[in-house]
Amino acid sequence: MSDKGLAFIFRKLGFNVQTPTGSFTAGLVGDSSPFSVLPQIKPSVTFIMVLLALSPCLFKAWKNPQPQMISRWIAYAYTCGFLFGWHVHEKASLHFVIPLAIVAAQTLEDARHYFLLSIVSCYSIFPLLFEAREYPIKVLLLLLHSILMWSGFSAQFYDGAEATRVPTANSKKKADQFGSEGNSGATVKKGFAIGWIERIYLIGLVVVEIWGQILHPLLFGDKFAFAPLMLISIYCAFGIMYSWIWQLIS
């Protein structure tokens, strides 16, 4: 959001904000004139925050290098840069969504995490396609993407299937590393399903979209035109924060 856009928001909220003329780069934190209300964040501050967020991953990679974890570490590094970096954009979420897609089918927890994160990432860039003729295209693409993910993960983690195999040293190591369950070489696939927190959050995405497309225009008309976009950004930010915490713990 540009400095002029922020000035418009704070004028609507009752603040007396003056902005100079000229062009500015996008982003809440970026190369623009000092904000009149928000604190000015310097690049050095965000650089330190990114390093602090990265430190657990860097320490683990240095102490115990594991080539099979490279995709996860890259995704976590990009997530830290997305959350704490200086001047980021919604499209940058693809930097950590794509690496996590590589490992999404390894465990059921990875599949659940990727299912939620990819939907949040795709929905967060909905405002970039703002023309009316583009709306049905982006909605149908997101629905198709979600259905294909659910079908693929359901086939990978189907209910009631039990495959017996001879345990090897490599399989035991992988099971220990990613927390897979097993008993004497038996692997039980429990089926793909998301938790109640993820379900509530995805329902909230639908509510946010209904509000922005239907309820807000009916109730407020052209007033507070920034509110639906701000609601999308804030709500998706909670989803990205959830992903960052999940990656940090795992």
Protein backbone atom coordinates (compact mmCIF):
# COMPACT_ATOMS: atom_id res chain seq x y z
CA MET A 1 0.00 0.00 0.00
CA SER A 2 1.41 3.39 -0.95
CA ASP A 3 1.89 6.33 1.39
CA LYS A 4 -1.04 8.06 -0.27
CA GLY A 5 -3.22 5.03 0.40
CA LEU A 6 -2.28 5.06 4.07
CA ALA A 7 -3.00 8.78 4.24
CA PHE A 8 -6.47 8.11 2.81
CA ILE A 9 -7.10 5.44 5.45
CA PHE A 10 -6.05 7.60 8.37
CA ARG A 11 -8.05 10.59 7.08
CA LYS A 12 -11.11 8.32 7.12
CA LEU A 13 -10.24 7.40 10.71
CA GLY A 14 -10.11 11.06 11.73
CA PHE A 15 -6.38 11.79 11.57
CA ASN A 16 -5.06 14.95 9.93
CA VAL A 17 -2.45 13.55 7.57
CA GLN A 18 -0.43 15.50 5.02
CA THR A 19 1.43 13.70 2.26
CA PRO A 20 3.82 15.17 -0.29
CA THR A 21 3.26 14.70 -3.99
CA GLY A 22 5.34 12.26 -5.97
CA SER A 23 5.58 8.57 -6.72
CA PHE A 24 6.30 5.98 -4.07
CA THR A 25 7.07 2.30 -4.10
CA ALA A 26 4.48 -0.10 -2.76
CA GLY A 27 4.57 -1.81 0.60
CA LEU A 28 3.92 -0.86 4.21
CA VAL A 29 7.67 -0.97 4.79
CA GLY A 30 9.57 0.38 1.84
CA ASP A 31 11.34 3.29 0.22
CA SER A 32 8.87 6.09 0.83
CA SER A 33 8.55 9.31 2.78
CA PRO A 34 8.21 9.12 6.59
CA PHE A 35 4.77 8.10 7.77
CA SER A 36 2.76 10.62 9.74
CA VAL A 37 1.18 8.08 12.10
CA LEU A 38 2.94 4.72 11.78
CA PRO A 39 6.49 4.35 13.12
CA GLN A 40 9.23 4.48 10.51
CA ILE A 41 10.91 1.06 10.20
CA LYS A 42 14.50 1.09 8.97
CA PRO A 43 16.09 -1.67 6.86
CA SER A 44 18.62 -2.38 9.60
CA VAL A 45 15.81 -3.21 12.04
CA THR A 46 14.17 -5.67 9.66
CA PHE A 47 17.59 -7.18 8.86
CA ILE A 48 18.16 -7.96 12.54
CA MET A 49 14.64 -9.38 12.89
CA VAL A 50 15.16 -11.69 9.91
CA LEU A 51 18.48 -12.94 11.34
CA LEU A 52 16.91 -13.58 14.74
CA ALA A 53 14.03 -15.51 13.15
CA LEU A 54 16.49 -17.50 11.01
CA SER A 55 18.84 -18.36 13.87
CA PRO A 56 17.12 -21.62 14.98
CA CYS A 57 17.22 -22.96 11.43
CA LEU A 58 20.82 -21.83 10.85
CA PHE A 59 21.94 -23.39 14.12
CA LYS A 60 20.25 -26.71 13.34
CA ALA A 61 21.65 -26.80 9.80
CA TRP A 62 25.15 -26.07 11.10
CA LYS A 63 24.97 -28.58 13.94
CA ASN A 64 23.33 -31.41 12.01
CA PRO A 65 23.42 -30.97 8.20
CA GLN A 66 20.74 -33.05 6.46
CA PRO A 67 20.51 -32.80 2.66
CA GLN A 68 16.94 -34.14 2.68
CA MET A 69 15.86 -31.13 4.78
CA ILE A 70 17.08 -28.50 2.33
CA SER A 71 13.60 -27.79 0.91
CA ARG A 72 12.17 -27.27 4.37
CA TRP A 73 15.01 -24.98 5.43
CA ILE A 74 14.75 -22.92 2.25
CA ALA A 75 11.00 -22.55 2.78
CA TYR A 76 11.52 -21.48 6.38
CA ALA A 77 14.18 -18.93 5.37
CA TYR A 78 11.86 -17.40 2.77
CA THR A 79 9.02 -17.32 5.31
CA CYS A 80 11.21 -15.37 7.72
CA GLY A 81 12.11 -12.94 4.96
CA PHE A 82 8.45 -12.57 4.02
CA LEU A 83 7.31 -11.83 7.57
CA PHE A 84 10.16 -9.68 8.84
CA GLY A 85 11.83 -8.40 5.67
CA TRP A 86 11.91 -4.84 4.38
CA HIS A 87 9.44 -4.11 1.59
CA VAL A 88 7.78 -7.40 0.68
CA HIS A 89 4.81 -8.18 -1.53
CA GLU A 90 2.06 -10.78 -1.41
CA LYS A 91 3.49 -12.54 -4.47
CA ALA A 92 6.63 -13.32 -2.45
CA SER A 93 4.66 -16.00 -0.58
CA LEU A 94 5.25 -18.25 -3.59
CA HIS A 95 8.93 -18.38 -2.59
CA PHE A 96 8.13 -20.63 0.37
CA VAL A 97 4.93 -22.26 -0.90
CA ILE A 98 6.71 -23.86 -3.87
CA PRO A 99 9.54 -25.51 -1.82
CA LEU A 100 6.98 -26.86 0.64
CA ALA A 101 5.08 -28.43 -2.27
CA ILE A 102 8.11 -30.68 -2.83
CA VAL A 103 7.75 -32.27 0.63
CA ALA A 104 3.96 -31.95 0.98
CA ALA A 105 3.28 -35.66 0.39
CA GLN A 106 5.94 -37.00 2.75
CA THR A 107 3.79 -36.99 5.88
CA LEU A 108 0.17 -36.32 6.72
CA GLU A 109 1.11 -33.24 8.74
CA ASP A 110 3.06 -31.84 5.80
CA ALA A 111 0.04 -32.36 3.56
CA ARG A 112 -2.29 -30.60 5.99
CA HIS A 113 0.09 -27.69 6.38
CA TYR A 114 0.61 -27.28 2.63
CA PHE A 115 -3.12 -27.55 1.93
CA LEU A 116 -3.86 -24.60 4.20
CA LEU A 117 -0.82 -22.53 3.27
CA SER A 118 -1.28 -22.79 -0.49
CA ILE A 119 -4.91 -21.69 -0.24
CA VAL A 120 -3.95 -18.72 1.95
CA SER A 121 -1.15 -17.76 -0.44
CA CYS A 122 -3.40 -17.91 -3.49
CA TYR A 123 -6.19 -15.99 -1.80
CA SER A 124 -3.82 -13.26 -0.57
CA ILE A 125 -3.08 -12.23 -4.16
CA PHE A 126 -6.77 -12.03 -5.15
CA PRO A 127 -6.73 -8.19 -4.93
CA LEU A 128 -4.07 -8.09 -7.67
CA LEU A 129 -6.73 -9.32 -10.12
CA PHE A 130 -9.30 -6.62 -9.47
CA GLU A 131 -11.28 -6.43 -12.70
CA ALA A 132 -14.79 -7.85 -12.74
CA ARG A 133 -14.07 -10.18 -15.65
CA GLU A 134 -11.15 -11.68 -13.72
CA TYR A 135 -13.17 -12.53 -10.62
CA PRO A 136 -14.78 -15.83 -11.78
CA ILE A 137 -11.44 -16.96 -13.22
CA LYS A 138 -9.49 -16.55 -9.98
CA VAL A 139 -12.25 -18.09 -7.87
CA LEU A 140 -12.61 -21.12 -10.13
CA LEU A 141 -8.83 -21.61 -10.26
CA LEU A 142 -8.57 -21.56 -6.46
CA LEU A 143 -11.48 -24.00 -6.12
CA LEU A 144 -9.96 -26.32 -8.73
CA HIS A 145 -6.58 -26.14 -7.01
CA SER A 146 -8.17 -26.99 -3.64
CA ILE A 147 -10.13 -29.93 -5.09
CA LEU A 148 -7.07 -31.36 -6.82
CA MET A 149 -5.01 -31.05 -3.63
CA TRP A 150 -7.70 -32.76 -1.57
CA SER A 151 -8.05 -35.58 -4.12
CA GLY A 152 -4.31 -36.10 -4.40
CA PHE A 153 -3.69 -36.13 -0.67
CA SER A 154 -6.71 -38.39 -0.10
CA ALA A 155 -5.23 -40.88 -2.55
CA GLN A 156 -1.87 -40.63 -0.81
CA PHE A 157 -3.25 -40.99 2.73
CA TYR A 158 -6.31 -43.16 2.18
CA ASP A 159 -8.35 -44.63 5.05
CA GLY A 160 -7.95 -48.15 6.31
CA ALA A 161 -4.97 -49.06 4.16
CA GLU A 162 -2.17 -51.01 5.73
CA ALA A 163 1.00 -51.76 3.79
CA THR A 164 3.48 -54.17 5.27
CA ARG A 165 7.06 -53.85 4.19
CA VAL A 166 10.46 -54.97 5.41
CA PRO A 167 12.02 -52.16 7.46
CA THR A 168 15.36 -50.88 6.29
CA ALA A 169 17.89 -48.64 7.93
CA ASN A 170 16.95 -45.80 5.60
CA SER A 171 13.22 -46.18 6.21
CA LYS A 172 13.71 -46.27 9.98
CA LYS A 173 15.81 -43.12 9.82
CA LYS A 174 13.19 -41.34 7.74
CA ALA A 175 10.40 -42.46 10.04
CA ASP A 176 12.27 -41.19 13.08
CA GLN A 177 13.07 -37.91 11.39
CA PHE A 178 9.56 -36.99 10.26
CA GLY A 179 7.66 -38.64 13.11
CA SER A 180 6.07 -41.43 11.11
CA GLU A 181 4.28 -44.14 13.05
CA GLY A 182 5.00 -47.77 12.57
CA ASN A 183 5.04 -51.15 14.25
CA SER A 184 7.35 -53.90 13.04
CA GLY A 185 7.49 -52.47 9.54
CA ALA A 186 3.74 -51.87 9.19
CA THR A 187 2.64 -48.48 7.87
CA VAL A 188 -0.96 -47.48 8.53
CA LYS A 189 -2.35 -44.65 6.41
CA LYS A 190 -5.02 -42.77 8.32
CA GLY A 191 -6.60 -40.72 5.53
CA PHE A 192 -6.37 -37.04 4.70
CA ALA A 193 -8.30 -34.56 6.81
CA ILE A 194 -7.56 -31.14 8.25
CA GLY A 195 -7.96 -30.14 11.89
CA TRP A 196 -10.70 -28.01 13.38
CA ILE A 197 -8.47 -24.94 13.58
CA GLU A 198 -7.72 -25.15 9.86
CA ARG A 199 -11.40 -25.70 9.08
CA ILE A 200 -12.47 -22.63 11.06
CA TYR A 201 -9.78 -20.55 9.39
CA LEU A 202 -10.80 -21.61 5.87
CA ILE A 203 -14.44 -20.88 6.69
CA GLY A 204 -13.23 -17.45 7.78
CA LEU A 205 -11.71 -16.93 4.33
CA VAL A 206 -15.14 -17.48 2.81
CA VAL A 207 -16.67 -15.02 5.28
CA VAL A 208 -14.02 -12.41 4.43
CA GLU A 209 -14.74 -12.81 0.71
CA ILE A 210 -18.52 -12.59 1.18
CA TRP A 211 -18.06 -9.45 3.27
CA GLY A 212 -15.82 -7.77 0.70
CA GLN A 213 -17.87 -8.69 -2.36
CA ILE A 214 -21.46 -8.48 -1.06
CA LEU A 215 -22.02 -7.20 2.48
CA HIS A 216 -19.61 -4.25 2.53
CA PRO A 217 -20.97 -2.66 -0.69
CA LEU A 218 -24.55 -3.17 0.55
CA LEU A 219 -23.91 -1.67 3.99
CA PHE A 220 -21.38 1.07 3.26
CA GLY A 221 -21.50 1.63 -0.49
CA ASP A 222 -18.38 3.49 -1.59
CA LYS A 223 -17.37 4.41 1.96
CA PHE A 224 -14.31 2.77 3.52
CA ALA A 225 -13.29 1.28 0.20
CA PHE A 226 -9.95 0.27 1.74
CA ALA A 227 -11.55 -1.93 4.42
CA PRO A 228 -12.14 -5.15 2.41
CA LEU A 229 -8.56 -5.13 1.09
CA MET A 230 -7.16 -4.44 4.55
CA LEU A 231 -9.27 -7.28 5.96
CA ILE A 232 -7.86 -9.69 3.36
CA SER A 233 -4.29 -8.66 4.15
CA ILE A 234 -4.71 -8.94 7.91
CA TYR A 235 -6.57 -12.25 7.79
CA CYS A 236 -4.04 -13.83 5.42
CA ALA A 237 -1.23 -12.51 7.63
CA PHE A 238 -2.57 -14.68 10.47
CA GLY A 239 -2.43 -17.70 8.16
CA ILE A 240 1.19 -16.98 7.21
CA MET A 241 2.08 -16.49 10.88
CA TYR A 242 0.51 -19.87 11.64
CA SER A 243 2.64 -21.43 8.91
CA TRP A 244 5.80 -19.78 10.23
CA ILE A 245 5.15 -21.07 13.76
CA TRP A 246 4.41 -24.57 12.40
CA GLN A 247 7.66 -24.59 10.44
CA LEU A 248 9.62 -23.26 13.41
CA ILE A 249 8.31 -26.01 15.69
CA SER A 250 8.70 -28.82 13.16
